[in-house]
Amino acid sequence: MDISLHYQEKGNKEPFALLHGNGEDGSYFRHQIDYFSDIYRVIALDTRGHGKSPRGTGPFTIERFARDLYDFMADLSISKAVILGFSDGANIAMTFTMKYPD
């Protein structure tokens, strides 16, 4: 990955990645972060070019965002996670699970 994604994290159980919509950032899920942190390791990402994540040189495509998520999880040694996406985040989550079903 040519960038490092900014994220907020709370909790220490099973990873639960939250993916925001276009023009938003991980703070969109501020209430869900607190609510789910007792039962999950909640990770709210800022996708490429959103919030505090840099744009980098890669294109803005759902496929690129899905690859960014894969690289992000690999960097944090997360092999499996529950993934919830809103709007474009849902498209990223579906693309991710089709490309990386394991």
PDB file of N, CA and C in Angstrom:
ATOM      1  N   MET A   1       0.856  -1.177   0.000  1.00  0.00           N
ATOM      2  CA  MET A   1       0.000   0.000   0.000  1.00  0.00           C
ATOM      3  C   MET A   1       0.896   1.232   0.000  1.00  0.00           C
ATOM      4  N   ASP A   2       0.533   2.221  -0.771  1.00  0.00           N
ATOM      5  CA  ASP A   2       1.341   3.436  -0.866  1.00  0.00           C
ATOM      6  C   ASP A   2       0.996   4.457   0.212  1.00  0.00           C
ATOM      7  N   ILE A   3       0.018   4.135   1.072  1.00  0.00           N
ATOM      8  CA  ILE A   3      -0.389   5.049   2.145  1.00  0.00           C
ATOM      9  C   ILE A   3      -0.656   4.248   3.419  1.00  0.00           C
ATOM     10  N   SER A   4      -0.791   4.955   4.527  1.00  0.00           N
ATOM     11  CA  SER A   4      -1.246   4.352   5.775  1.00  0.00           C
ATOM     12  C   SER A   4      -2.615   4.935   6.090  1.00  0.00           C
ATOM     13  N   LEU A   5      -3.582   4.061   6.310  1.00  0.00           N
ATOM     14  CA  LEU A   5      -4.933   4.517   6.599  1.00  0.00           C
ATOM     15  C   LEU A   5      -5.056   4.928   8.062  1.00  0.00           C
ATOM     16  N   HIS A   6      -5.707   6.039   8.289  1.00  0.00           N
ATOM     17  CA  HIS A   6      -5.996   6.476   9.652  1.00  0.00           C
ATOM     18  C   HIS A   6      -7.190   5.668  10.158  1.00  0.00           C
ATOM     19  N   TYR A   7      -7.177   5.364  11.463  1.00  0.00           N
ATOM     20  CA  TYR A   7      -8.293   4.624  12.025  1.00  0.00           C
ATOM     21  C   TYR A   7      -8.430   4.913  13.510  1.00  0.00           C
ATOM     22  N   GLN A   8      -9.631   4.662  14.019  1.00  0.00           N
ATOM     23  CA  GLN A   8      -9.921   4.712  15.450  1.00  0.00           C
ATOM     24  C   GLN A   8     -10.184   3.278  15.883  1.00  0.00           C
ATOM     25  N   GLU A   9      -9.738   2.936  17.077  1.00  0.00           N
ATOM     26  CA  GLU A   9      -9.889   1.567  17.540  1.00  0.00           C
ATOM     27  C   GLU A   9     -10.299   1.563  19.001  1.00  0.00           C
ATOM     28  N   LYS A  10     -11.207   0.650  19.349  1.00  0.00           N
ATOM     29  CA  LYS A  10     -11.631   0.523  20.735  1.00  0.00           C
ATOM     30  C   LYS A  10     -12.105  -0.906  20.956  1.00  0.00           C
ATOM     31  N   GLY A  11     -11.717  -1.508  22.067  1.00  0.00           N
ATOM     32  CA  GLY A  11     -12.088  -2.877  22.375  1.00  0.00           C
ATOM     33  C   GLY A  11     -10.957  -3.832  22.045  1.00  0.00           C
ATOM     34  N   ASN A  12     -11.116  -5.092  22.458  1.00  0.00           N
ATOM     35  CA  ASN A  12     -10.007  -6.032  22.255  1.00  0.00           C
ATOM     36  C   ASN A  12     -10.458  -7.450  21.925  1.00  0.00           C
ATOM     37  N   LYS A  13     -11.654  -7.609  21.427  1.00  0.00           N
ATOM     38  CA  LYS A  13     -12.141  -8.957  21.101  1.00  0.00           C
ATOM     39  C   LYS A  13     -12.076  -9.170  19.583  1.00  0.00           C
ATOM     40  N   GLU A  14     -13.050  -9.833  19.007  1.00  0.00           N
ATOM     41  CA  GLU A  14     -13.060 -10.113  17.575  1.00  0.00           C
ATOM     42  C   GLU A  14     -13.065  -8.804  16.773  1.00  0.00           C
ATOM     43  N   PRO A  15     -12.206  -8.692  15.746  1.00  0.00           N
ATOM     44  CA  PRO A  15     -12.160  -7.463  14.948  1.00  0.00           C
ATOM     45  C   PRO A  15     -13.477  -7.191  14.222  1.00  0.00           C
ATOM     46  N   PHE A  16     -13.880  -5.928  14.249  1.00  0.00           N
ATOM     47  CA  PHE A  16     -15.124  -5.458  13.629  1.00  0.00           C
ATOM     48  C   PHE A  16     -14.780  -4.165  12.902  1.00  0.00           C
ATOM     49  N   ALA A  17     -14.638  -4.233  11.574  1.00  0.00           N
ATOM     50  CA  ALA A  17     -14.247  -3.075  10.770  1.00  0.00           C
ATOM     51  C   ALA A  17     -15.480  -2.320  10.293  1.00  0.00           C
ATOM     52  N   LEU A  18     -15.464  -1.009  10.480  1.00  0.00           N
ATOM     53  CA  LEU A  18     -16.554  -0.137  10.057  1.00  0.00           C
ATOM     54  C   LEU A  18     -16.076   0.733   8.898  1.00  0.00           C
ATOM     55  N   LEU A  19     -16.810   0.699   7.793  1.00  0.00           N
ATOM     56  CA  LEU A  19     -16.429   1.414   6.577  1.00  0.00           C
ATOM     57  C   LEU A  19     -17.490   2.459   6.235  1.00  0.00           C
ATOM     58  N   HIS A  20     -17.083   3.706   6.212  1.00  0.00           N
ATOM     59  CA  HIS A  20     -17.991   4.832   5.972  1.00  0.00           C
ATOM     60  C   HIS A  20     -18.313   5.013   4.503  1.00  0.00           C
ATOM     61  N   GLY A  21     -19.236   5.923   4.223  1.00  0.00           N
ATOM     62  CA  GLY A  21     -19.617   6.255   2.859  1.00  0.00           C
ATOM     63  C   GLY A  21     -18.736   7.340   2.266  1.00  0.00           C
ATOM     64  N   ASN A  22     -18.982   7.642   0.992  1.00  0.00           N
ATOM     65  CA  ASN A  22     -18.221   8.662   0.270  1.00  0.00           C
ATOM     66  C   ASN A  22     -18.385  10.028   0.939  1.00  0.00           C
ATOM     67  N   GLY A  23     -17.283  10.720   1.100  1.00  0.00           N
ATOM     68  CA  GLY A  23     -17.300  12.057   1.685  1.00  0.00           C
ATOM     69  C   GLY A  23     -17.346  12.054   3.205  1.00  0.00           C
ATOM     70  N   GLU A  24     -17.390  10.890   3.816  1.00  0.00           N
ATOM     71  CA  GLU A  24     -17.419  10.767   5.278  1.00  0.00           C
ATOM     72  C   GLU A  24     -16.045  10.327   5.775  1.00  0.00           C
ATOM     73  N   ASP A  25     -15.966   9.977   7.037  1.00  0.00           N
ATOM     74  CA  ASP A  25     -14.775   9.362   7.607  1.00  0.00           C
ATOM     75  C   ASP A  25     -15.209   8.463   8.756  1.00  0.00           C
ATOM     76  N   GLY A  26     -14.257   7.841   9.417  1.00  0.00           N
ATOM     77  CA  GLY A  26     -14.574   6.893  10.482  1.00  0.00           C
ATOM     78  C   GLY A  26     -15.372   7.475  11.627  1.00  0.00           C
ATOM     79  N   SER A  27     -15.309   8.785  11.810  1.00  0.00           N
ATOM     80  CA  SER A  27     -16.076   9.404  12.903  1.00  0.00           C
ATOM     81  C   SER A  27     -17.586   9.265  12.688  1.00  0.00           C
ATOM     82  N   TYR A  28     -17.995   8.927  11.476  1.00  0.00           N
ATOM     83  CA  TYR A  28     -19.406   8.679  11.192  1.00  0.00           C
ATOM     84  C   TYR A  28     -19.971   7.632  12.165  1.00  0.00           C
ATOM     85  N   PHE A  29     -19.104   6.711  12.597  1.00  0.00           N
ATOM     86  CA  PHE A  29     -19.516   5.599  13.458  1.00  0.00           C
ATOM     87  C   PHE A  29     -19.219   5.838  14.937  1.00  0.00           C
ATOM     88  N   ARG A  30     -19.086   7.079  15.369  1.00  0.00           N
ATOM     89  CA  ARG A  30     -18.673   7.350  16.750  1.00  0.00           C
ATOM     90  C   ARG A  30     -19.564   6.668  17.786  1.00  0.00           C
ATOM     91  N   HIS A  31     -20.851   6.616  17.558  1.00  0.00           N
ATOM     92  CA  HIS A  31     -21.746   5.980  18.527  1.00  0.00           C
ATOM     93  C   HIS A  31     -21.624   4.452  18.481  1.00  0.00           C
ATOM     94  N   GLN A  32     -21.439   3.914  17.281  1.00  0.00           N
ATOM     95  CA  GLN A  32     -21.287   2.471  17.144  1.00  0.00           C
ATOM     96  C   GLN A  32     -19.963   1.985  17.737  1.00  0.00           C
ATOM     97  N   ILE A  33     -18.912   2.813  17.654  1.00  0.00           N
ATOM     98  CA  ILE A  33     -17.614   2.441  18.231  1.00  0.00           C
ATOM     99  C   ILE A  33     -17.787   2.169  19.718  1.00  0.00           C
ATOM    100  N   ASP A  34     -18.400   3.095  20.423  1.00  0.00           N
ATOM    101  CA  ASP A  34     -18.611   2.913  21.862  1.00  0.00           C
ATOM    102  C   ASP A  34     -19.550   1.741  22.144  1.00  0.00           C
ATOM    103  N   TYR A  35     -20.629   1.647  21.409  1.00  0.00           N
ATOM    104  CA  TYR A  35     -21.637   0.635  21.669  1.00  0.00           C
ATOM    105  C   TYR A  35     -21.078  -0.788  21.511  1.00  0.00           C
ATOM    106  N   PHE A  36     -20.327  -1.030  20.444  1.00  0.00           N
ATOM    107  CA  PHE A  36     -19.852  -2.379  20.150  1.00  0.00           C
ATOM    108  C   PHE A  36     -18.506  -2.735  20.781  1.00  0.00           C
ATOM    109  N   SER A  37     -17.831  -1.772  21.390  1.00  0.00           N
ATOM    110  CA  SER A  37     -16.471  -2.032  21.896  1.00  0.00           C
ATOM    111  C   SER A  37     -16.415  -3.017  23.059  1.00  0.00           C
ATOM    112  N   ASP A  38     -17.529  -3.276  23.721  1.00  0.00           N
ATOM    113  CA  ASP A  38     -17.539  -4.276  24.796  1.00  0.00           C
ATOM    114  C   ASP A  38     -17.478  -5.701  24.254  1.00  0.00           C
ATOM    115  N   ILE A  39     -17.937  -5.891  23.016  1.00  0.00           N
ATOM    116  CA  ILE A  39     -17.972  -7.253  22.474  1.00  0.00           C
ATOM    117  C   ILE A  39     -17.090  -7.448  21.241  1.00  0.00           C
ATOM    118  N   TYR A  40     -16.496  -6.375  20.732  1.00  0.00           N
ATOM    119  CA  TYR A  40     -15.619  -6.441  19.559  1.00  0.00           C
ATOM    120  C   TYR A  40     -14.389  -5.550  19.747  1.00  0.00           C
ATOM    121  N   ARG A  41     -13.439  -5.764  18.887  1.00  0.00           N
ATOM    122  CA  ARG A  41     -12.347  -4.815  18.675  1.00  0.00           C
ATOM    123  C   ARG A  41     -12.808  -3.961  17.490  1.00  0.00           C
ATOM    124  N   VAL A  42     -13.395  -2.838  17.777  1.00  0.00           N
ATOM    125  CA  VAL A  42     -14.002  -2.002  16.739  1.00  0.00           C
ATOM    126  C   VAL A  42     -12.920  -1.144  16.085  1.00  0.00           C
ATOM    127  N   ILE A  43     -12.890  -1.178  14.769  1.00  0.00           N
ATOM    128  CA  ILE A  43     -11.909  -0.416  13.999  1.00  0.00           C
ATOM    129  C   ILE A  43     -12.673   0.393  12.951  1.00  0.00           C
ATOM    130  N   ALA A  44     -12.670   1.705  13.102  1.00  0.00           N
ATOM    131  CA  ALA A  44     -13.347   2.596  12.152  1.00  0.00           C
ATOM    132  C   ALA A  44     -12.276   3.277  11.300  1.00  0.00           C
ATOM    133  N   LEU A  45     -12.254   2.927  10.039  1.00  0.00           N
ATOM    134  CA  LEU A  45     -11.231   3.424   9.116  1.00  0.00           C
ATOM    135  C   LEU A  45     -11.643   4.718   8.433  1.00  0.00           C
ATOM    136  N   ASP A  46     -10.652   5.496   8.051  1.00  0.00           N
ATOM    137  CA  ASP A  46     -10.838   6.575   7.079  1.00  0.00           C
ATOM    138  C   ASP A  46     -10.287   6.026   5.769  1.00  0.00           C
ATOM    139  N   THR A  47     -11.144   5.824   4.767  1.00  0.00           N
ATOM    140  CA  THR A  47     -10.637   5.295   3.506  1.00  0.00           C
ATOM    141  C   THR A  47      -9.748   6.333   2.815  1.00  0.00           C
ATOM    142  N   ARG A  48      -9.024   5.854   1.842  1.00  0.00           N
ATOM    143  CA  ARG A  48      -8.081   6.668   1.070  1.00  0.00           C
ATOM    144  C   ARG A  48      -8.713   8.012   0.676  1.00  0.00           C
ATOM    145  N   GLY A  49      -8.022   9.107   1.017  1.00  0.00           N
ATOM    146  CA  GLY A  49      -8.485  10.440   0.638  1.00  0.00           C
ATOM    147  C   GLY A  49      -9.650  10.967   1.447  1.00  0.00           C
ATOM    148  N   HIS A  50      -9.997  10.303   2.529  1.00  0.00           N
ATOM    149  CA  HIS A  50     -11.104  10.728   3.389  1.00  0.00           C
ATOM    150  C   HIS A  50     -10.583  10.934   4.805  1.00  0.00           C
ATOM    151  N   GLY A  51     -11.195  11.860   5.527  1.00  0.00           N
ATOM    152  CA  GLY A  51     -10.779  12.110   6.909  1.00  0.00           C
ATOM    153  C   GLY A  51      -9.300  12.406   6.993  1.00  0.00           C
ATOM    154  N   LYS A  52      -8.603  11.639   7.825  1.00  0.00           N
ATOM    155  CA  LYS A  52      -7.176  11.857   8.039  1.00  0.00           C
ATOM    156  C   LYS A  52      -6.290  10.910   7.232  1.00  0.00           C
ATOM    157  N   SER A  53      -6.879  10.125   6.339  1.00  0.00           N
ATOM    158  CA  SER A  53      -6.079   9.250   5.475  1.00  0.00           C
ATOM    159  C   SER A  53      -5.662  10.014   4.228  1.00  0.00           C
ATOM    160  N   PRO A  54      -4.387   9.911   3.850  1.00  0.00           N
ATOM    161  CA  PRO A  54      -3.937  10.614   2.642  1.00  0.00           C
ATOM    162  C   PRO A  54      -4.527   9.994   1.386  1.00  0.00           C
ATOM    163  N   ARG A  55      -4.536  10.773   0.333  1.00  0.00           N
ATOM    164  CA  ARG A  55      -5.058  10.300  -0.950  1.00  0.00           C
ATOM    165  C   ARG A  55      -4.117   9.288  -1.588  1.00  0.00           C
ATOM    166  N   GLY A  56      -2.825   9.528  -1.503  1.00  0.00           N
ATOM    167  CA  GLY A  56      -1.870   8.658  -2.185  1.00  0.00           C
ATOM    168  C   GLY A  56      -1.956   8.850  -3.680  1.00  0.00           C
ATOM    169  N   THR A  57      -1.349   7.913  -4.395  1.00  0.00           N
ATOM    170  CA  THR A  57      -1.307   8.024  -5.852  1.00  0.00           C
ATOM    171  C   THR A  57      -2.273   7.084  -6.539  1.00  0.00           C
ATOM    172  N   GLY A  58      -2.903   6.217  -5.782  1.00  0.00           N
ATOM    173  CA  GLY A  58      -3.814   5.244  -6.367  1.00  0.00           C
ATOM    174  C   GLY A  58      -5.132   5.859  -6.775  1.00  0.00           C
ATOM    175  N   PRO A  59      -5.837   5.187  -7.667  1.00  0.00           N
ATOM    176  CA  PRO A  59      -7.139   5.680  -8.118  1.00  0.00           C
ATOM    177  C   PRO A  59      -8.200   5.523  -7.038  1.00  0.00           C
ATOM    178  N   PHE A  60      -9.245   6.295  -7.152  1.00  0.00           N
ATOM    179  CA  PHE A  60     -10.396   6.198  -6.247  1.00  0.00           C
ATOM    180  C   PHE A  60     -11.395   5.221  -6.868  1.00  0.00           C
ATOM    181  N   THR A  61     -11.220   3.948  -6.596  1.00  0.00           N
ATOM    182  CA  THR A  61     -12.158   2.936  -7.061  1.00  0.00           C
ATOM    183  C   THR A  61     -12.521   2.048  -5.882  1.00  0.00           C
ATOM    184  N   ILE A  62     -13.660   1.413  -5.967  1.00  0.00           N
ATOM    185  CA  ILE A  62     -14.074   0.489  -4.920  1.00  0.00           C
ATOM    186  C   ILE A  62     -13.061  -0.654  -4.816  1.00  0.00           C
ATOM    187  N   GLU A  63     -12.550  -1.114  -5.952  1.00  0.00           N
ATOM    188  CA  GLU A  63     -11.556  -2.187  -5.941  1.00  0.00           C
ATOM    189  C   GLU A  63     -10.288  -1.751  -5.201  1.00  0.00           C
ATOM    190  N   ARG A  64      -9.875  -0.508  -5.418  1.00  0.00           N
ATOM    191  CA  ARG A  64      -8.679   0.006  -4.729  1.00  0.00           C
ATOM    192  C   ARG A  64      -8.926   0.108  -3.225  1.00  0.00           C
ATOM    193  N   PHE A  65     -10.092   0.585  -2.842  1.00  0.00           N
ATOM    194  CA  PHE A  65     -10.421   0.680  -1.419  1.00  0.00           C
ATOM    195  C   PHE A  65     -10.467  -0.712  -0.785  1.00  0.00           C
ATOM    196  N   ALA A  66     -10.969  -1.708  -1.525  1.00  0.00           N
ATOM    197  CA  ALA A  66     -10.994  -3.082  -1.008  1.00  0.00           C
ATOM    198  C   ALA A  66      -9.570  -3.603  -0.827  1.00  0.00           C
ATOM    199  N   ARG A  67      -8.684  -3.310  -1.772  1.00  0.00           N
ATOM    200  CA  ARG A  67      -7.279  -3.719  -1.642  1.00  0.00           C
ATOM    201  C   ARG A  67      -6.626  -2.990  -0.467  1.00  0.00           C
ATOM    202  N   ASP A  68      -6.938  -1.726  -0.288  1.00  0.00           N
ATOM    203  CA  ASP A  68      -6.424  -0.980   0.871  1.00  0.00           C
ATOM    204  C   ASP A  68      -6.853  -1.652   2.179  1.00  0.00           C
ATOM    205  N   LEU A  69      -8.116  -2.102   2.227  1.00  0.00           N
ATOM    206  CA  LEU A  69      -8.607  -2.786   3.423  1.00  0.00           C
ATOM    207  C   LEU A  69      -7.840  -4.087   3.647  1.00  0.00           C
ATOM    208  N   TYR A  70      -7.614  -4.830   2.577  1.00  0.00           N
ATOM    209  CA  TYR A  70      -6.837  -6.072   2.679  1.00  0.00           C
ATOM    210  C   TYR A  70      -5.438  -5.788   3.228  1.00  0.00           C
ATOM    211  N   ASP A  71      -4.767  -4.803   2.659  1.00  0.00           N
ATOM    212  CA  ASP A  71      -3.414  -4.445   3.115  1.00  0.00           C
ATOM    213  C   ASP A  71      -3.427  -3.946   4.553  1.00  0.00           C
ATOM    214  N   PHE A  72      -4.419  -3.154   4.902  1.00  0.00           N
ATOM    215  CA  PHE A  72      -4.557  -2.640   6.265  1.00  0.00           C
ATOM    216  C   PHE A  72      -4.695  -3.795   7.263  1.00  0.00           C
ATOM    217  N   MET A  73      -5.567  -4.746   6.941  1.00  0.00           N
ATOM    218  CA  MET A  73      -5.760  -5.885   7.832  1.00  0.00           C
ATOM    219  C   MET A  73      -4.487  -6.720   7.939  1.00  0.00           C
ATOM    220  N   ALA A  74      -3.801  -6.901   6.836  1.00  0.00           N
ATOM    221  CA  ALA A  74      -2.542  -7.655   6.860  1.00  0.00           C
ATOM    222  C   ALA A  74      -1.513  -6.943   7.738  1.00  0.00           C
ATOM    223  N   ASP A  75      -1.418  -5.629   7.622  1.00  0.00           N
ATOM    224  CA  ASP A  75      -0.471  -4.856   8.438  1.00  0.00           C
ATOM    225  C   ASP A  75      -0.756  -4.997   9.927  1.00  0.00           C
ATOM    226  N   LEU A  76      -2.032  -5.146  10.297  1.00  0.00           N
ATOM    227  CA  LEU A  76      -2.412  -5.300  11.704  1.00  0.00           C
ATOM    228  C   LEU A  76      -2.543  -6.766  12.110  1.00  0.00           C
ATOM    229  N   SER A  77      -2.125  -7.673  11.223  1.00  0.00           N
ATOM    230  CA  SER A  77      -2.200  -9.126  11.459  1.00  0.00           C
ATOM    231  C   SER A  77      -3.620  -9.580  11.787  1.00  0.00           C
ATOM    232  N   ILE A  78      -4.585  -9.019  11.084  1.00  0.00           N
ATOM    233  CA  ILE A  78      -5.984  -9.417  11.229  1.00  0.00           C
ATOM    234  C   ILE A  78      -6.306 -10.350  10.069  1.00  0.00           C
ATOM    235  N   SER A  79      -6.572 -11.621  10.379  1.00  0.00           N
ATOM    236  CA  SER A  79      -6.853 -12.585   9.319  1.00  0.00           C
ATOM    237  C   SER A  79      -8.343 -12.682   8.995  1.00  0.00           C
ATOM    238  N   LYS A  80      -9.189 -12.358   9.962  1.00  0.00           N
ATOM    239  CA  LYS A  80     -10.643 -12.377   9.754  1.00  0.00           C
ATOM    240  C   LYS A  80     -11.269 -11.258  10.561  1.00  0.00           C
ATOM    241  N   ALA A  81     -12.375 -10.723  10.060  1.00  0.00           N
ATOM    242  CA  ALA A  81     -13.065  -9.646  10.766  1.00  0.00           C
ATOM    243  C   ALA A  81     -14.522  -9.610  10.333  1.00  0.00           C
ATOM    244  N   VAL A  82     -15.358  -9.120  11.205  1.00  0.00           N
ATOM    245  CA  VAL A  82     -16.716  -8.746  10.833  1.00  0.00           C
ATOM    246  C   VAL A  82     -16.569  -7.387  10.149  1.00  0.00           C
ATOM    247  N   ILE A  83     -17.237  -7.216   9.021  1.00  0.00           N
ATOM    248  CA  ILE A  83     -17.116  -5.955   8.281  1.00  0.00           C
ATOM    249  C   ILE A  83     -18.511  -5.389   8.044  1.00  0.00           C
ATOM    250  N   LEU A  84     -18.690  -4.140   8.431  1.00  0.00           N
ATOM    251  CA  LEU A  84     -19.949  -3.442   8.212  1.00  0.00           C
ATOM    252  C   LEU A  84     -19.649  -2.172   7.433  1.00  0.00           C
ATOM    253  N   GLY A  85     -20.368  -1.970   6.348  1.00  0.00           N
ATOM    254  CA  GLY A  85     -20.162  -0.774   5.552  1.00  0.00           C
ATOM    255  C   GLY A  85     -21.460  -0.034   5.314  1.00  0.00           C
ATOM    256  N   PHE A  86     -21.349   1.276   5.227  1.00  0.00           N
ATOM    257  CA  PHE A  86     -22.468   2.162   4.927  1.00  0.00           C
ATOM    258  C   PHE A  86     -22.222   2.792   3.564  1.00  0.00           C
ATOM    259  N   SER A  87     -23.183   2.749   2.668  1.00  0.00           N
ATOM    260  CA  SER A  87     -23.102   3.392   1.367  1.00  0.00           C
ATOM    261  C   SER A  87     -21.889   2.846   0.598  1.00  0.00           C
ATOM    262  N   ASP A  88     -20.933   3.692   0.217  1.00  0.00           N
ATOM    263  CA  ASP A  88     -19.746   3.181  -0.480  1.00  0.00           C
ATOM    264  C   ASP A  88     -19.000   2.167   0.383  1.00  0.00           C
ATOM    265  N   GLY A  89     -19.072   2.322   1.675  1.00  0.00           N
ATOM    266  CA  GLY A  89     -18.448   1.347   2.569  1.00  0.00           C
ATOM    267  C   GLY A  89     -19.047  -0.037   2.400  1.00  0.00           C
ATOM    268  N   ALA A  90     -20.356  -0.117   2.138  1.00  0.00           N
ATOM    269  CA  ALA A  90     -20.999  -1.409   1.872  1.00  0.00           C
ATOM    270  C   ALA A  90     -20.485  -1.997   0.564  1.00  0.00           C
ATOM    271  N   ASN A  91     -20.288  -1.154  -0.445  1.00  0.00           N
ATOM    272  CA  ASN A  91     -19.730  -1.630  -1.716  1.00  0.00           C
ATOM    273  C   ASN A  91     -18.303  -2.125  -1.531  1.00  0.00           C
ATOM    274  N   ILE A  92     -17.532  -1.429  -0.709  1.00  0.00           N
ATOM    275  CA  ILE A  92     -16.165  -1.868  -0.410  1.00  0.00           C
ATOM    276  C   ILE A  92     -16.213  -3.223   0.299  1.00  0.00           C
ATOM    277  N   ALA A  93     -17.093  -3.362   1.285  1.00  0.00           N
ATOM    278  CA  ALA A  93     -17.205  -4.617   2.039  1.00  0.00           C
ATOM    279  C   ALA A  93     -17.587  -5.774   1.113  1.00  0.00           C
ATOM    280  N   MET A  94     -18.547  -5.570   0.215  1.00  0.00           N
ATOM    281  CA  MET A  94     -18.951  -6.647  -0.703  1.00  0.00           C
ATOM    282  C   MET A  94     -17.832  -7.001  -1.660  1.00  0.00           C
ATOM    283  N   THR A  95     -17.158  -5.988  -2.194  1.00  0.00           N
ATOM    284  CA  THR A  95     -16.036  -6.249  -3.104  1.00  0.00           C
ATOM    285  C   THR A  95     -14.917  -6.977  -2.383  1.00  0.00           C
ATOM    286  N   PHE A  96     -14.622  -6.544  -1.171  1.00  0.00           N
ATOM    287  CA  PHE A  96     -13.581  -7.185  -0.362  1.00  0.00           C
ATOM    288  C   PHE A  96     -13.891  -8.665  -0.163  1.00  0.00           C
ATOM    289  N   THR A  97     -15.124  -8.972   0.231  1.00  0.00           N
ATOM    290  CA  THR A  97     -15.460 -10.377   0.524  1.00  0.00           C
ATOM    291  C   THR A  97     -15.474 -11.228  -0.736  1.00  0.00           C
ATOM    292  N   MET A  98     -15.777 -10.648  -1.892  1.00  0.00           N
ATOM    293  CA  MET A  98     -15.716 -11.413  -3.142  1.00  0.00           C
ATOM    294  C   MET A  98     -14.275 -11.660  -3.569  1.00  0.00           C
ATOM    295  N   LYS A  99     -13.411 -10.649  -3.379  1.00  0.00           N
ATOM    296  CA  LYS A  99     -12.004 -10.785  -3.794  1.00  0.00           C
ATOM    297  C   LYS A  99     -11.171 -11.581  -2.802  1.00  0.00           C
ATOM    298  N   TYR A 100     -11.511 -11.508  -1.526  1.00  0.00           N
ATOM    299  CA  TYR A 100     -10.727 -12.141  -0.468  1.00  0.00           C
ATOM    300  C   TYR A 100     -11.650 -12.956   0.448  1.00  0.00           C
ATOM    301  N   PRO A 101     -12.254 -14.018  -0.085  1.00  0.00           N
ATOM    302  CA  PRO A 101     -13.247 -14.765   0.700  1.00  0.00           C
ATOM    303  C   PRO A 101     -12.692 -15.436   1.953  1.00  0.00           C
ATOM    304  N   ASP A 102     -11.411 -15.649   2.029  1.00  0.00           N
ATOM    305  CA  ASP A 102     -10.827 -16.264   3.225  1.00  0.00           C
ATOM    306  C   ASP A 102     -10.681 -15.267   4.328  1.00  0.00           C
TER     307      ASP A 102
END
